[in-house]
Amino acid sequence: MKNILILVLALMTSVMTYADEVNYGYLVFTTQEGTEKSVAVEKLKLTFVNGQMVVDNGVENQKYDLSSLSKMFFSGNAVDGIVETMIDANEEVNVFTVSGIGMGRFDNVDDAKKSLRRGVYIFKQGSKSNKISIK
């Protein structure tokens, strides 16, 4: 029994030490569209007004519709707002040149790649897009 108690105390001490070493300096908000934005947590104040969350830390002030948020979490690093989204290779895709000229709508990514010349294109499906190089 004494050995079990010592083991439990040792595990609790190591977990508490690990938690102290991790610095969660940012609160990250992820929207339904997949964009992320972080806010420093020092002096952070969250308020809720008319279905919106108001985030204020004295340096920046942001508002989010609660229905537009998919998650929020604490992080040790700030995020830059870019989240990688991959299009579905088997779905219909719209293709554009990097200068914005429409090249057409294709049944899937492979059909588009076979039909296009060498170059860099933007493949778009709904709110997702990828830059693809065809060689």
N, C-alpha and C. Protein backbone atom coordinates (compact mmCIF):
# COMPACT_ATOMS: atom_id res chain seq x y z
N MET A 1 0.82 -1.19 0.00
CA MET A 1 0.00 0.00 0.00
C MET A 1 0.86 1.25 0.00
N LYS A 2 1.96 1.20 0.78
CA LYS A 2 2.85 2.34 0.87
C LYS A 2 3.50 2.61 -0.49
N ASN A 3 3.87 1.53 -1.21
CA ASN A 3 4.49 1.68 -2.53
C ASN A 3 3.53 2.33 -3.52
N ILE A 4 2.26 1.97 -3.47
CA ILE A 4 1.25 2.54 -4.37
C ILE A 4 1.08 4.02 -4.08
N LEU A 5 1.04 4.38 -2.82
CA LEU A 5 0.89 5.79 -2.43
C LEU A 5 2.08 6.61 -2.93
N ILE A 6 3.27 6.08 -2.79
CA ILE A 6 4.47 6.78 -3.27
C ILE A 6 4.43 6.93 -4.78
N LEU A 7 4.00 5.88 -5.48
CA LEU A 7 3.90 5.94 -6.93
C LEU A 7 2.89 6.99 -7.38
N VAL A 8 1.73 7.05 -6.74
CA VAL A 8 0.70 8.03 -7.08
C VAL A 8 1.22 9.44 -6.82
N LEU A 9 1.88 9.67 -5.71
CA LEU A 9 2.44 10.99 -5.41
C LEU A 9 3.50 11.39 -6.43
N ALA A 10 4.33 10.45 -6.83
CA ALA A 10 5.36 10.73 -7.83
C ALA A 10 4.73 11.11 -9.17
N LEU A 11 3.70 10.39 -9.58
CA LEU A 11 3.01 10.70 -10.84
C LEU A 11 2.34 12.06 -10.78
N MET A 12 1.69 12.37 -9.67
CA MET A 12 1.03 13.67 -9.54
C MET A 12 2.05 14.80 -9.58
N THR A 13 3.19 14.61 -8.96
CA THR A 13 4.24 15.64 -8.97
C THR A 13 4.76 15.87 -10.38
N SER A 14 4.96 14.78 -11.14
CA SER A 14 5.47 14.95 -12.51
C SER A 14 4.44 15.61 -13.40
N VAL A 15 3.16 15.31 -13.23
CA VAL A 15 2.11 15.94 -14.03
C VAL A 15 2.02 17.42 -13.70
N MET A 16 2.07 17.79 -12.41
CA MET A 16 2.01 19.19 -12.02
C MET A 16 3.23 19.95 -12.53
N THR A 17 4.40 19.33 -12.50
CA THR A 17 5.61 19.97 -13.00
C THR A 17 5.49 20.22 -14.49
N TYR A 18 4.96 19.25 -15.24
CA TYR A 18 4.77 19.42 -16.68
C TYR A 18 3.80 20.56 -16.97
N ALA A 19 2.70 20.63 -16.23
CA ALA A 19 1.70 21.68 -16.45
C ALA A 19 2.30 23.05 -16.18
N ASP A 20 3.18 23.16 -15.20
CA ASP A 20 3.82 24.44 -14.91
C ASP A 20 4.78 24.86 -16.02
N GLU A 21 5.40 23.89 -16.70
CA GLU A 21 6.36 24.20 -17.75
C GLU A 21 5.70 24.66 -19.04
N VAL A 22 4.45 24.27 -19.27
CA VAL A 22 3.75 24.64 -20.49
C VAL A 22 3.14 26.03 -20.31
N ASN A 23 3.44 26.92 -21.24
CA ASN A 23 2.92 28.28 -21.17
C ASN A 23 1.83 28.43 -22.23
N TYR A 24 0.59 28.46 -21.80
CA TYR A 24 -0.52 28.66 -22.72
C TYR A 24 -0.83 30.15 -22.78
N GLY A 25 -0.09 30.88 -23.58
CA GLY A 25 -0.19 32.33 -23.64
C GLY A 25 -1.24 32.86 -24.59
N TYR A 26 -1.92 31.98 -25.34
CA TYR A 26 -2.89 32.42 -26.35
C TYR A 26 -4.16 31.59 -26.29
N LEU A 27 -5.27 32.26 -26.56
CA LEU A 27 -6.54 31.59 -26.74
C LEU A 27 -6.83 31.64 -28.23
N VAL A 28 -7.04 30.48 -28.85
CA VAL A 28 -7.22 30.39 -30.30
C VAL A 28 -8.69 30.10 -30.59
N PHE A 29 -9.25 30.87 -31.52
CA PHE A 29 -10.63 30.71 -31.96
C PHE A 29 -10.63 30.15 -33.37
N THR A 30 -11.39 29.08 -33.61
CA THR A 30 -11.53 28.49 -34.94
C THR A 30 -12.97 28.67 -35.39
N THR A 31 -13.17 29.26 -36.57
CA THR A 31 -14.51 29.47 -37.09
C THR A 31 -14.98 28.25 -37.87
N GLN A 32 -16.27 28.23 -38.21
CA GLN A 32 -16.83 27.13 -39.00
C GLN A 32 -16.14 27.02 -40.36
N GLU A 33 -15.64 28.15 -40.90
CA GLU A 33 -14.96 28.15 -42.20
C GLU A 33 -13.53 27.63 -42.10
N GLY A 34 -13.01 27.49 -40.87
CA GLY A 34 -11.67 26.96 -40.69
C GLY A 34 -10.59 28.00 -40.42
N THR A 35 -10.94 29.27 -40.40
CA THR A 35 -9.93 30.28 -40.10
C THR A 35 -9.67 30.31 -38.60
N GLU A 36 -8.44 30.60 -38.24
CA GLU A 36 -8.05 30.66 -36.84
C GLU A 36 -7.49 32.03 -36.51
N LYS A 37 -7.76 32.48 -35.32
CA LYS A 37 -7.25 33.76 -34.82
C LYS A 37 -6.91 33.56 -33.36
N SER A 38 -5.74 34.05 -32.94
CA SER A 38 -5.34 33.91 -31.54
C SER A 38 -5.29 35.26 -30.87
N VAL A 39 -5.49 35.24 -29.55
CA VAL A 39 -5.45 36.43 -28.73
C VAL A 39 -4.62 36.12 -27.50
N ALA A 40 -3.72 37.03 -27.13
CA ALA A 40 -2.92 36.85 -25.92
C ALA A 40 -3.85 36.81 -24.71
N VAL A 41 -3.58 35.89 -23.76
CA VAL A 41 -4.48 35.70 -22.64
C VAL A 41 -4.20 36.63 -21.47
N GLU A 42 -3.07 37.34 -21.49
CA GLU A 42 -2.78 38.25 -20.40
C GLU A 42 -3.85 39.35 -20.37
N LYS A 43 -4.49 39.53 -19.24
CA LYS A 43 -5.56 40.51 -19.03
C LYS A 43 -6.78 40.25 -19.93
N LEU A 44 -7.00 39.00 -20.29
CA LEU A 44 -8.10 38.64 -21.19
C LEU A 44 -9.45 38.73 -20.48
N LYS A 45 -10.41 39.30 -21.17
CA LYS A 45 -11.77 39.42 -20.66
C LYS A 45 -12.73 38.95 -21.75
N LEU A 46 -13.61 38.00 -21.43
CA LEU A 46 -14.62 37.51 -22.35
C LEU A 46 -15.99 37.93 -21.84
N THR A 47 -16.79 38.52 -22.72
CA THR A 47 -18.16 38.84 -22.37
C THR A 47 -19.08 38.36 -23.48
N PHE A 48 -20.33 38.10 -23.14
CA PHE A 48 -21.31 37.60 -24.10
C PHE A 48 -22.47 38.56 -24.18
N VAL A 49 -22.74 39.05 -25.40
CA VAL A 49 -23.79 40.04 -25.62
C VAL A 49 -24.53 39.70 -26.91
N ASN A 50 -25.84 39.49 -26.83
CA ASN A 50 -26.69 39.27 -28.00
C ASN A 50 -26.15 38.21 -28.96
N GLY A 51 -25.77 37.06 -28.44
CA GLY A 51 -25.29 35.97 -29.28
C GLY A 51 -23.88 36.15 -29.79
N GLN A 52 -23.17 37.15 -29.28
CA GLN A 52 -21.78 37.37 -29.67
C GLN A 52 -20.87 37.25 -28.46
N MET A 53 -19.65 36.79 -28.71
CA MET A 53 -18.63 36.77 -27.68
C MET A 53 -17.68 37.93 -27.98
N VAL A 54 -17.47 38.79 -26.99
CA VAL A 54 -16.56 39.91 -27.13
C VAL A 54 -15.27 39.55 -26.40
N VAL A 55 -14.15 39.60 -27.11
CA VAL A 55 -12.84 39.22 -26.58
C VAL A 55 -12.00 40.48 -26.49
N ASP A 56 -11.54 40.78 -25.28
CA ASP A 56 -10.76 42.01 -25.07
C ASP A 56 -9.62 41.73 -24.11
N ASN A 57 -8.40 42.07 -24.51
CA ASN A 57 -7.25 41.92 -23.62
C ASN A 57 -6.54 43.25 -23.38
N GLY A 58 -7.19 44.35 -23.71
CA GLY A 58 -6.60 45.66 -23.53
C GLY A 58 -5.78 46.12 -24.71
N VAL A 59 -5.35 45.19 -25.56
CA VAL A 59 -4.57 45.52 -26.75
C VAL A 59 -5.45 45.40 -28.00
N GLU A 60 -6.22 44.33 -28.05
CA GLU A 60 -7.12 44.12 -29.19
C GLU A 60 -8.49 43.71 -28.70
N ASN A 61 -9.48 44.02 -29.52
CA ASN A 61 -10.87 43.73 -29.20
C ASN A 61 -11.48 43.05 -30.41
N GLN A 62 -12.07 41.86 -30.23
CA GLN A 62 -12.67 41.12 -31.33
C GLN A 62 -14.07 40.67 -30.92
N LYS A 63 -14.92 40.49 -31.93
CA LYS A 63 -16.27 39.97 -31.70
C LYS A 63 -16.47 38.75 -32.59
N TYR A 64 -17.10 37.73 -32.02
CA TYR A 64 -17.42 36.51 -32.76
C TYR A 64 -18.89 36.17 -32.55
N ASP A 65 -19.60 35.87 -33.62
CA ASP A 65 -20.93 35.29 -33.48
C ASP A 65 -20.73 33.88 -32.95
N LEU A 66 -21.42 33.54 -31.89
CA LEU A 66 -21.24 32.22 -31.30
C LEU A 66 -21.56 31.11 -32.28
N SER A 67 -22.51 31.35 -33.18
CA SER A 67 -22.87 30.32 -34.16
C SER A 67 -21.77 30.10 -35.20
N SER A 68 -20.83 31.05 -35.34
CA SER A 68 -19.77 30.90 -36.35
C SER A 68 -18.53 30.20 -35.80
N LEU A 69 -18.46 29.99 -34.48
CA LEU A 69 -17.29 29.35 -33.89
C LEU A 69 -17.44 27.84 -33.88
N SER A 70 -16.37 27.13 -34.27
CA SER A 70 -16.41 25.67 -34.18
C SER A 70 -15.67 25.18 -32.95
N LYS A 71 -14.62 25.92 -32.52
CA LYS A 71 -13.92 25.55 -31.29
C LYS A 71 -13.03 26.70 -30.85
N MET A 72 -12.58 26.61 -29.60
CA MET A 72 -11.57 27.50 -29.08
C MET A 72 -10.72 26.71 -28.11
N PHE A 73 -9.43 27.04 -28.04
CA PHE A 73 -8.51 26.28 -27.20
C PHE A 73 -7.32 27.14 -26.83
N PHE A 74 -6.63 26.76 -25.76
CA PHE A 74 -5.44 27.47 -25.34
C PHE A 74 -4.23 26.87 -26.05
N SER A 75 -3.28 27.73 -26.40
CA SER A 75 -2.09 27.29 -27.12
C SER A 75 -0.87 28.05 -26.63
N GLY A 76 0.27 27.45 -26.78
CA GLY A 76 1.52 28.11 -26.43
C GLY A 76 2.01 29.02 -27.54
N ASN A 77 1.41 28.92 -28.73
CA ASN A 77 1.84 29.70 -29.88
C ASN A 77 0.68 30.48 -30.48
N ALA A 78 1.00 31.64 -31.01
CA ALA A 78 0.00 32.41 -31.75
C ALA A 78 -0.18 31.76 -33.12
N VAL A 79 -1.36 31.90 -33.70
CA VAL A 79 -1.60 31.37 -35.04
C VAL A 79 -1.70 32.54 -36.01
N ASP A 80 -1.46 32.25 -37.29
CA ASP A 80 -1.46 33.31 -38.29
C ASP A 80 -2.74 33.40 -39.08
N GLY A 81 -3.73 32.60 -38.74
CA GLY A 81 -5.01 32.67 -39.43
C GLY A 81 -5.10 31.76 -40.64
N ILE A 82 -4.02 31.09 -40.99
CA ILE A 82 -4.03 30.22 -42.16
C ILE A 82 -4.20 28.79 -41.71
N VAL A 83 -5.22 28.15 -42.23
CA VAL A 83 -5.47 26.76 -41.96
C VAL A 83 -5.48 26.03 -43.29
N GLU A 84 -4.73 24.96 -43.38
CA GLU A 84 -4.67 24.25 -44.65
C GLU A 84 -5.96 23.50 -44.88
N THR A 85 -6.58 23.73 -46.02
CA THR A 85 -7.79 23.02 -46.39
C THR A 85 -7.53 22.34 -47.72
N MET A 86 -7.81 21.09 -47.80
CA MET A 86 -7.56 20.33 -49.01
C MET A 86 -8.88 20.08 -49.73
N ILE A 87 -8.86 20.28 -51.04
CA ILE A 87 -10.05 19.99 -51.82
C ILE A 87 -10.16 18.48 -52.00
N ASP A 88 -11.36 18.01 -52.31
CA ASP A 88 -11.61 16.59 -52.53
C ASP A 88 -11.30 16.27 -53.99
N ALA A 89 -10.36 15.36 -54.22
CA ALA A 89 -9.90 15.04 -55.57
C ALA A 89 -10.99 14.42 -56.43
N ASN A 90 -12.04 13.87 -55.83
CA ASN A 90 -13.08 13.18 -56.59
C ASN A 90 -14.32 14.04 -56.83
N GLU A 91 -14.32 15.28 -56.36
CA GLU A 91 -15.47 16.17 -56.52
C GLU A 91 -15.26 17.13 -57.67
N GLU A 92 -16.36 17.72 -58.13
CA GLU A 92 -16.30 18.73 -59.19
C GLU A 92 -15.44 19.91 -58.72
N VAL A 93 -14.63 20.46 -59.65
CA VAL A 93 -13.70 21.52 -59.29
C VAL A 93 -13.71 22.63 -60.33
N ASN A 94 -13.65 23.89 -59.87
CA ASN A 94 -13.49 25.04 -60.76
C ASN A 94 -12.01 25.40 -60.77
N VAL A 95 -11.48 25.72 -61.95
CA VAL A 95 -10.06 25.99 -62.08
C VAL A 95 -9.85 27.40 -62.62
N PHE A 96 -8.88 28.11 -62.01
CA PHE A 96 -8.53 29.46 -62.41
C PHE A 96 -7.02 29.57 -62.55
N THR A 97 -6.56 30.49 -63.40
CA THR A 97 -5.14 30.80 -63.44
C THR A 97 -4.82 31.64 -62.22
N VAL A 98 -3.53 31.83 -61.94
CA VAL A 98 -3.16 32.64 -60.79
C VAL A 98 -3.54 34.10 -60.98
N SER A 99 -3.80 34.50 -62.22
CA SER A 99 -4.25 35.87 -62.47
C SER A 99 -5.77 35.98 -62.44
N GLY A 100 -6.48 34.87 -62.15
CA GLY A 100 -7.92 34.91 -61.96
C GLY A 100 -8.76 34.54 -63.16
N ILE A 101 -8.15 34.14 -64.25
CA ILE A 101 -8.91 33.77 -65.45
C ILE A 101 -9.48 32.37 -65.27
N GLY A 102 -10.80 32.23 -65.46
CA GLY A 102 -11.45 30.93 -65.33
C GLY A 102 -11.06 29.99 -66.45
N MET A 103 -10.66 28.79 -66.09
CA MET A 103 -10.26 27.79 -67.07
C MET A 103 -11.33 26.73 -67.27
N GLY A 104 -12.36 26.75 -66.42
CA GLY A 104 -13.46 25.81 -66.61
C GLY A 104 -13.80 25.03 -65.37
N ARG A 105 -14.88 24.26 -65.51
CA ARG A 105 -15.36 23.39 -64.44
C ARG A 105 -15.11 21.95 -64.89
N PHE A 106 -14.54 21.15 -64.00
CA PHE A 106 -14.18 19.78 -64.33
C PHE A 106 -14.83 18.82 -63.33
N ASP A 107 -15.05 17.58 -63.79
CA ASP A 107 -15.72 16.58 -62.94
C ASP A 107 -14.89 16.22 -61.71
N ASN A 108 -13.55 16.24 -61.85
CA ASN A 108 -12.67 15.92 -60.72
C ASN A 108 -11.28 16.50 -61.00
N VAL A 109 -10.40 16.38 -60.04
CA VAL A 109 -9.05 16.95 -60.15
C VAL A 109 -8.25 16.30 -61.27
N ASP A 110 -8.34 14.98 -61.42
CA ASP A 110 -7.58 14.29 -62.47
C ASP A 110 -7.99 14.76 -63.87
N ASP A 111 -9.30 14.93 -64.09
CA ASP A 111 -9.76 15.41 -65.39
C ASP A 111 -9.20 16.81 -65.67
N ALA A 112 -9.19 17.64 -64.65
CA ALA A 112 -8.66 19.00 -64.81
C ALA A 112 -7.17 18.95 -65.15
N LYS A 113 -6.42 18.14 -64.45
CA LYS A 113 -4.98 18.06 -64.69
C LYS A 113 -4.67 17.57 -66.11
N LYS A 114 -5.48 16.64 -66.60
CA LYS A 114 -5.27 16.11 -67.96
C LYS A 114 -5.58 17.14 -69.02
N SER A 115 -6.50 18.05 -68.74
CA SER A 115 -6.95 19.02 -69.72
C SER A 115 -6.13 20.31 -69.76
N LEU A 116 -5.36 20.58 -68.72
CA LEU A 116 -4.65 21.85 -68.61
C LEU A 116 -3.20 21.75 -69.05
N ARG A 117 -2.67 22.86 -69.54
CA ARG A 117 -1.25 22.94 -69.90
C ARG A 117 -0.40 23.07 -68.63
N ARG A 118 0.92 22.98 -68.83
CA ARG A 118 1.83 23.19 -67.71
C ARG A 118 1.61 24.57 -67.11
N GLY A 119 1.72 24.66 -65.79
CA GLY A 119 1.57 25.94 -65.13
C GLY A 119 1.02 25.78 -63.73
N VAL A 120 0.73 26.91 -63.10
CA VAL A 120 0.19 26.92 -61.74
C VAL A 120 -1.25 27.41 -61.82
N TYR A 121 -2.14 26.68 -61.15
CA TYR A 121 -3.57 26.97 -61.19
C TYR A 121 -4.15 26.96 -59.78
N ILE A 122 -5.30 27.62 -59.66
CA ILE A 122 -6.06 27.58 -58.41
C ILE A 122 -7.25 26.66 -58.64
N PHE A 123 -7.35 25.60 -57.82
CA PHE A 123 -8.47 24.67 -57.88
C PHE A 123 -9.39 25.03 -56.73
N LYS A 124 -10.68 25.25 -57.04
CA LYS A 124 -11.62 25.74 -56.02
C LYS A 124 -12.86 24.84 -55.95
N GLN A 125 -13.25 24.52 -54.69
CA GLN A 125 -14.48 23.78 -54.41
C GLN A 125 -15.16 24.48 -53.24
N GLY A 126 -16.26 25.15 -53.48
CA GLY A 126 -16.95 25.87 -52.41
C GLY A 126 -16.03 26.91 -51.79
N SER A 127 -15.80 26.81 -50.47
CA SER A 127 -14.92 27.76 -49.79
C SER A 127 -13.48 27.27 -49.70
N LYS A 128 -13.20 26.10 -50.25
CA LYS A 128 -11.84 25.55 -50.21
C LYS A 128 -11.15 25.78 -51.54
N SER A 129 -9.85 26.06 -51.47
CA SER A 129 -9.07 26.20 -52.69
C SER A 129 -7.64 25.78 -52.44
N ASN A 130 -7.00 25.29 -53.50
CA ASN A 130 -5.60 24.89 -53.46
C ASN A 130 -4.89 25.39 -54.69
N LYS A 131 -3.63 25.73 -54.50
CA LYS A 131 -2.78 26.09 -55.63
C LYS A 131 -2.09 24.79 -56.07
N ILE A 132 -2.24 24.46 -57.36
CA ILE A 132 -1.68 23.20 -57.87
C ILE A 132 -0.81 23.50 -59.08
N SER A 133 0.36 22.89 -59.09
CA SER A 133 1.30 23.05 -60.19
C SER A 133 1.19 21.83 -61.10
N ILE A 134 1.01 22.08 -62.38
CA ILE A 134 0.93 20.98 -63.35
C ILE A 134 2.22 21.02 -64.16
N LYS A 135 2.93 19.89 -64.18
CA LYS A 135 4.23 19.83 -64.87
C LYS A 135 4.14 19.00 -66.12
